[in-house]
Amino acid sequence: MFGAAVRDLRKQQGLSQEAFADLVGIDRSYMGGIERGEHNVALINIQRIAAALGINISALMEHSNL
């Protein structure tokens, strides 16, 4: 699941949900919804999330299929 991958990668980098949401440029509560799988994420936000994690979109998607 995409949201679980985002949460896992965020935690691996030692970032709180709030700090990561600020880094990505989206609201913390929206980030929480992404991580819980409650939102369909727009491609621009997927790109922002990947960039904040320091990986490309392809690597993020591969991680979400684990």
PDB file of N, CA and C in Angstrom:
ATOM      1  N   MET A   1       0.841  -1.179   0.000  1.00  0.00           N
ATOM      2  CA  MET A   1       0.000   0.000   0.000  1.00  0.00           C
ATOM      3  C   MET A   1       0.891   1.248   0.000  1.00  0.00           C
ATOM      4  N   PHE A   2       0.508   2.233  -0.785  1.00  0.00           N
ATOM      5  CA  PHE A   2       1.292   3.449  -0.945  1.00  0.00           C
ATOM      6  C   PHE A   2       1.494   4.168   0.389  1.00  0.00           C
ATOM      7  N   GLY A   3       0.437   4.357   1.143  1.00  0.00           N
ATOM      8  CA  GLY A   3       0.535   5.085   2.405  1.00  0.00           C
ATOM      9  C   GLY A   3       1.450   4.412   3.404  1.00  0.00           C
ATOM     10  N   ALA A   4       1.404   3.090   3.474  1.00  0.00           N
ATOM     11  CA  ALA A   4       2.281   2.357   4.389  1.00  0.00           C
ATOM     12  C   ALA A   4       3.736   2.522   3.980  1.00  0.00           C
ATOM     13  N   ALA A   5       3.994   2.553   2.677  1.00  0.00           N
ATOM     14  CA  ALA A   5       5.361   2.760   2.190  1.00  0.00           C
ATOM     15  C   ALA A   5       5.857   4.149   2.568  1.00  0.00           C
ATOM     16  N   VAL A   6       5.006   5.151   2.413  1.00  0.00           N
ATOM     17  CA  VAL A   6       5.383   6.518   2.784  1.00  0.00           C
ATOM     18  C   VAL A   6       5.708   6.572   4.276  1.00  0.00           C
ATOM     19  N   ARG A   7       4.858   5.972   5.088  1.00  0.00           N
ATOM     20  CA  ARG A   7       5.076   5.974   6.543  1.00  0.00           C
ATOM     21  C   ARG A   7       6.394   5.279   6.886  1.00  0.00           C
ATOM     22  N   ASP A   8       6.638   4.124   6.278  1.00  0.00           N
ATOM     23  CA  ASP A   8       7.852   3.367   6.545  1.00  0.00           C
ATOM     24  C   ASP A   8       9.098   4.166   6.168  1.00  0.00           C
ATOM     25  N   LEU A   9       9.097   4.740   4.985  1.00  0.00           N
ATOM     26  CA  LEU A   9      10.248   5.510   4.525  1.00  0.00           C
ATOM     27  C   LEU A   9      10.451   6.777   5.360  1.00  0.00           C
ATOM     28  N   ARG A  10       9.355   7.415   5.743  1.00  0.00           N
ATOM     29  CA  ARG A  10       9.435   8.613   6.598  1.00  0.00           C
ATOM     30  C   ARG A  10      10.064   8.258   7.934  1.00  0.00           C
ATOM     31  N   LYS A  11       9.613   7.170   8.528  1.00  0.00           N
ATOM     32  CA  LYS A  11      10.140   6.753   9.828  1.00  0.00           C
ATOM     33  C   LYS A  11      11.602   6.339   9.725  1.00  0.00           C
ATOM     34  N   GLN A  12      11.981   5.712   8.624  1.00  0.00           N
ATOM     35  CA  GLN A  12      13.386   5.338   8.426  1.00  0.00           C
ATOM     36  C   GLN A  12      14.287   6.564   8.440  1.00  0.00           C
ATOM     37  N   GLN A  13      13.755   7.689   8.014  1.00  0.00           N
ATOM     38  CA  GLN A  13      14.527   8.932   7.989  1.00  0.00           C
ATOM     39  C   GLN A  13      14.408   9.715   9.296  1.00  0.00           C
ATOM     40  N   GLY A  14      13.658   9.160  10.253  1.00  0.00           N
ATOM     41  CA  GLY A  14      13.543   9.793  11.561  1.00  0.00           C
ATOM     42  C   GLY A  14      12.695  11.045  11.589  1.00  0.00           C
ATOM     43  N   LEU A  15      11.764  11.150  10.642  1.00  0.00           N
ATOM     44  CA  LEU A  15      10.916  12.341  10.558  1.00  0.00           C
ATOM     45  C   LEU A  15       9.556  12.090  11.190  1.00  0.00           C
ATOM     46  N   SER A  16       9.081  13.063  11.951  1.00  0.00           N
ATOM     47  CA  SER A  16       7.711  12.993  12.450  1.00  0.00           C
ATOM     48  C   SER A  16       6.767  13.259  11.277  1.00  0.00           C
ATOM     49  N   GLN A  17       5.532  12.871  11.449  1.00  0.00           N
ATOM     50  CA  GLN A  17       4.541  13.116  10.405  1.00  0.00           C
ATOM     51  C   GLN A  17       4.394  14.612  10.148  1.00  0.00           C
ATOM     52  N   GLU A  18       4.399  15.386  11.194  1.00  0.00           N
ATOM     53  CA  GLU A  18       4.250  16.843  11.056  1.00  0.00           C
ATOM     54  C   GLU A  18       5.447  17.453  10.323  1.00  0.00           C
ATOM     55  N   ALA A  19       6.660  17.059  10.715  1.00  0.00           N
ATOM     56  CA  ALA A  19       7.858  17.586  10.062  1.00  0.00           C
ATOM     57  C   ALA A  19       7.895  17.179   8.591  1.00  0.00           C
ATOM     58  N   PHE A  20       7.500  15.947   8.307  1.00  0.00           N
ATOM     59  CA  PHE A  20       7.510  15.479   6.924  1.00  0.00           C
ATOM     60  C   PHE A  20       6.466  16.224   6.098  1.00  0.00           C
ATOM     61  N   ALA A  21       5.282  16.420   6.650  1.00  0.00           N
ATOM     62  CA  ALA A  21       4.237  17.158   5.937  1.00  0.00           C
ATOM     63  C   ALA A  21       4.713  18.578   5.616  1.00  0.00           C
ATOM     64  N   ASP A  22       5.392  19.212   6.568  1.00  0.00           N
ATOM     65  CA  ASP A  22       5.949  20.552   6.322  1.00  0.00           C
ATOM     66  C   ASP A  22       6.980  20.507   5.201  1.00  0.00           C
ATOM     67  N   LEU A  23       7.820  19.490   5.207  1.00  0.00           N
ATOM     68  CA  LEU A  23       8.845  19.337   4.176  1.00  0.00           C
ATOM     69  C   LEU A  23       8.215  19.145   2.800  1.00  0.00           C
ATOM     70  N   VAL A  24       7.146  18.360   2.751  1.00  0.00           N
ATOM     71  CA  VAL A  24       6.447  18.098   1.487  1.00  0.00           C
ATOM     72  C   VAL A  24       5.645  19.311   1.042  1.00  0.00           C
ATOM     73  N   GLY A  25       5.131  20.064   2.013  1.00  0.00           N
ATOM     74  CA  GLY A  25       4.321  21.232   1.698  1.00  0.00           C
ATOM     75  C   GLY A  25       2.834  20.951   1.679  1.00  0.00           C
ATOM     76  N   ILE A  26       2.413  19.966   2.486  1.00  0.00           N
ATOM     77  CA  ILE A  26       0.991  19.672   2.605  1.00  0.00           C
ATOM     78  C   ILE A  26       0.598  19.634   4.078  1.00  0.00           C
ATOM     79  N   ASP A  27      -0.687  19.687   4.344  1.00  0.00           N
ATOM     80  CA  ASP A  27      -1.205  19.693   5.706  1.00  0.00           C
ATOM     81  C   ASP A  27      -0.926  18.358   6.405  1.00  0.00           C
ATOM     82  N   ARG A  28      -0.604  18.422   7.700  1.00  0.00           N
ATOM     83  CA  ARG A  28      -0.298  17.221   8.471  1.00  0.00           C
ATOM     84  C   ARG A  28      -1.464  16.234   8.492  1.00  0.00           C
ATOM     85  N   SER A  29      -2.671  16.741   8.625  1.00  0.00           N
ATOM     86  CA  SER A  29      -3.823  15.840   8.675  1.00  0.00           C
ATOM     87  C   SER A  29      -4.043  15.150   7.328  1.00  0.00           C
ATOM     88  N   TYR A  30      -3.736  15.848   6.238  1.00  0.00           N
ATOM     89  CA  TYR A  30      -3.831  15.232   4.912  1.00  0.00           C
ATOM     90  C   TYR A  30      -2.764  14.152   4.767  1.00  0.00           C
ATOM     91  N   MET A  31      -1.561  14.418   5.283  1.00  0.00           N
ATOM     92  CA  MET A  31      -0.494  13.417   5.246  1.00  0.00           C
ATOM     93  C   MET A  31      -0.908  12.181   6.045  1.00  0.00           C
ATOM     94  N   GLY A  32      -1.536  12.394   7.173  1.00  0.00           N
ATOM     95  CA  GLY A  32      -2.029  11.267   7.967  1.00  0.00           C
ATOM     96  C   GLY A  32      -3.020  10.437   7.176  1.00  0.00           C
ATOM     97  N   GLY A  33      -3.891  11.108   6.445  1.00  0.00           N
ATOM     98  CA  GLY A  33      -4.856  10.404   5.605  1.00  0.00           C
ATOM     99  C   GLY A  33      -4.183   9.620   4.492  1.00  0.00           C
ATOM    100  N   ILE A  34      -3.123  10.177   3.926  1.00  0.00           N
ATOM    101  CA  ILE A  34      -2.367   9.460   2.895  1.00  0.00           C
ATOM    102  C   ILE A  34      -1.776   8.191   3.498  1.00  0.00           C
ATOM    103  N   GLU A  35      -1.142   8.320   4.657  1.00  0.00           N
ATOM    104  CA  GLU A  35      -0.500   7.177   5.288  1.00  0.00           C
ATOM    105  C   GLU A  35      -1.503   6.105   5.709  1.00  0.00           C
ATOM    106  N   ARG A  36      -2.722   6.509   6.011  1.00  0.00           N
ATOM    107  CA  ARG A  36      -3.764   5.538   6.371  1.00  0.00           C
ATOM    108  C   ARG A  36      -4.509   4.993   5.156  1.00  0.00           C
ATOM    109  N   GLY A  37      -4.168   5.482   3.978  1.00  0.00           N
ATOM    110  CA  GLY A  37      -4.819   5.010   2.762  1.00  0.00           C
ATOM    111  C   GLY A  37      -6.191   5.593   2.534  1.00  0.00           C
ATOM    112  N   GLU A  38      -6.464   6.746   3.094  1.00  0.00           N
ATOM    113  CA  GLU A  38      -7.777   7.373   2.983  1.00  0.00           C
ATOM    114  C   GLU A  38      -7.905   8.321   1.799  1.00  0.00           C
ATOM    115  N   HIS A  39      -6.797   8.640   1.146  1.00  0.00           N
ATOM    116  CA  HIS A  39      -6.818   9.599   0.044  1.00  0.00           C
ATOM    117  C   HIS A  39      -6.235   9.000  -1.228  1.00  0.00           C
ATOM    118  N   ASN A  40      -6.812   9.389  -2.341  1.00  0.00           N
ATOM    119  CA  ASN A  40      -6.184   9.141  -3.639  1.00  0.00           C
ATOM    120  C   ASN A  40      -5.239  10.311  -3.853  1.00  0.00           C
ATOM    121  N   VAL A  41      -3.973  10.022  -3.999  1.00  0.00           N
ATOM    122  CA  VAL A  41      -2.958  11.059  -4.021  1.00  0.00           C
ATOM    123  C   VAL A  41      -2.697  11.509  -5.451  1.00  0.00           C
ATOM    124  N   ALA A  42      -2.733  12.816  -5.664  1.00  0.00           N
ATOM    125  CA  ALA A  42      -2.444  13.386  -6.981  1.00  0.00           C
ATOM    126  C   ALA A  42      -0.972  13.169  -7.317  1.00  0.00           C
ATOM    127  N   LEU A  43      -0.688  13.059  -8.601  1.00  0.00           N
ATOM    128  CA  LEU A  43       0.672  12.818  -9.065  1.00  0.00           C
ATOM    129  C   LEU A  43       1.644  13.893  -8.569  1.00  0.00           C
ATOM    130  N   ILE A  44       1.223  15.141  -8.533  1.00  0.00           N
ATOM    131  CA  ILE A  44       2.099  16.210  -8.053  1.00  0.00           C
ATOM    132  C   ILE A  44       2.491  15.975  -6.605  1.00  0.00           C
ATOM    133  N   ASN A  45       1.564  15.470  -5.799  1.00  0.00           N
ATOM    134  CA  ASN A  45       1.883  15.197  -4.400  1.00  0.00           C
ATOM    135  C   ASN A  45       2.760  13.955  -4.265  1.00  0.00           C
ATOM    136  N   ILE A  46       2.581  12.974  -5.136  1.00  0.00           N
ATOM    137  CA  ILE A  46       3.470  11.809  -5.139  1.00  0.00           C
ATOM    138  C   ILE A  46       4.889  12.265  -5.452  1.00  0.00           C
ATOM    139  N   GLN A  47       5.023  13.171  -6.414  1.00  0.00           N
ATOM    140  CA  GLN A  47       6.341  13.696  -6.774  1.00  0.00           C
ATOM    141  C   GLN A  47       6.949  14.467  -5.601  1.00  0.00           C
ATOM    142  N   ARG A  48       6.157  15.256  -4.917  1.00  0.00           N
ATOM    143  CA  ARG A  48       6.644  16.017  -3.765  1.00  0.00           C
ATOM    144  C   ARG A  48       7.089  15.096  -2.635  1.00  0.00           C
ATOM    145  N   ILE A  49       6.306  14.046  -2.402  1.00  0.00           N
ATOM    146  CA  ILE A  49       6.639  13.080  -1.350  1.00  0.00           C
ATOM    147  C   ILE A  49       7.955  12.379  -1.688  1.00  0.00           C
ATOM    148  N   ALA A  50       8.076  11.919  -2.923  1.00  0.00           N
ATOM    149  CA  ALA A  50       9.307  11.243  -3.345  1.00  0.00           C
ATOM    150  C   ALA A  50      10.508  12.171  -3.203  1.00  0.00           C
ATOM    151  N   ALA A  51      10.359  13.414  -3.634  1.00  0.00           N
ATOM    152  CA  ALA A  51      11.462  14.375  -3.542  1.00  0.00           C
ATOM    153  C   ALA A  51      11.850  14.619  -2.087  1.00  0.00           C
ATOM    154  N   ALA A  52      10.870  14.735  -1.210  1.00  0.00           N
ATOM    155  CA  ALA A  52      11.154  14.956   0.212  1.00  0.00           C
ATOM    156  C   ALA A  52      11.865  13.755   0.826  1.00  0.00           C
ATOM    157  N   LEU A  53      11.586  12.568   0.293  1.00  0.00           N
ATOM    158  CA  LEU A  53      12.256  11.361   0.773  1.00  0.00           C
ATOM    159  C   LEU A  53      13.629  11.170   0.130  1.00  0.00           C
ATOM    160  N   GLY A  54      13.917  11.964  -0.894  1.00  0.00           N
ATOM    161  CA  GLY A  54      15.196  11.858  -1.580  1.00  0.00           C
ATOM    162  C   GLY A  54      15.291  10.679  -2.524  1.00  0.00           C
ATOM    163  N   ILE A  55      14.134  10.235  -3.022  1.00  0.00           N
ATOM    164  CA  ILE A  55      14.101   9.121  -3.967  1.00  0.00           C
ATOM    165  C   ILE A  55      13.259   9.522  -5.175  1.00  0.00           C
ATOM    166  N   ASN A  56      13.314   8.721  -6.235  1.00  0.00           N
ATOM    167  CA  ASN A  56      12.466   9.024  -7.383  1.00  0.00           C
ATOM    168  C   ASN A  56      11.117   8.318  -7.226  1.00  0.00           C
ATOM    169  N   ILE A  57      10.181   8.710  -8.054  1.00  0.00           N
ATOM    170  CA  ILE A  57       8.831   8.158  -7.965  1.00  0.00           C
ATOM    171  C   ILE A  57       8.847   6.644  -8.173  1.00  0.00           C
ATOM    172  N   SER A  58       9.669   6.177  -9.092  1.00  0.00           N
ATOM    173  CA  SER A  58       9.750   4.744  -9.366  1.00  0.00           C
ATOM    174  C   SER A  58      10.148   3.959  -8.114  1.00  0.00           C
ATOM    175  N   ALA A  59      11.150   4.449  -7.399  1.00  0.00           N
ATOM    176  CA  ALA A  59      11.590   3.769  -6.177  1.00  0.00           C
ATOM    177  C   ALA A  59      10.499   3.790  -5.114  1.00  0.00           C
ATOM    178  N   LEU A  60       9.776   4.890  -5.022  1.00  0.00           N
ATOM    179  CA  LEU A  60       8.674   4.981  -4.070  1.00  0.00           C
ATOM    180  C   LEU A  60       7.586   3.973  -4.412  1.00  0.00           C
ATOM    181  N   MET A  61       7.259   3.858  -5.678  1.00  0.00           N
ATOM    182  CA  MET A  61       6.226   2.902  -6.094  1.00  0.00           C
ATOM    183  C   MET A  61       6.686   1.462  -5.876  1.00  0.00           C
ATOM    184  N   GLU A  62       7.956   1.182  -6.142  1.00  0.00           N
ATOM    185  CA  GLU A  62       8.475  -0.169  -5.892  1.00  0.00           C
ATOM    186  C   GLU A  62       8.368  -0.511  -4.426  1.00  0.00           C
ATOM    187  N   HIS A  63       8.683   0.433  -3.557  1.00  0.00           N
ATOM    188  CA  HIS A  63       8.603   0.198  -2.115  1.00  0.00           C
ATOM    189  C   HIS A  63       7.152  -0.042  -1.688  1.00  0.00           C
ATOM    190  N   SER A  64       6.220   0.596  -2.360  1.00  0.00           N
ATOM    191  CA  SER A  64       4.815   0.441  -1.969  1.00  0.00           C
ATOM    192  C   SER A  64       4.250  -0.917  -2.361  1.00  0.00           C
ATOM    193  N   ASN A  65       4.943  -1.649  -3.218  1.00  0.00           N
ATOM    194  CA  ASN A  65       4.471  -2.980  -3.627  1.00  0.00           C
ATOM    195  C   ASN A  65       5.033  -4.097  -2.776  1.00  0.00           C
ATOM    196  N   LEU A  66       5.789  -3.782  -1.724  1.00  0.00           N
ATOM    197  CA  LEU A  66       6.358  -4.826  -0.885  1.00  0.00           C
ATOM    198  C   LEU A  66       5.308  -5.517  -0.072  1.00  0.00           C
TER     199      LEU A  66
END
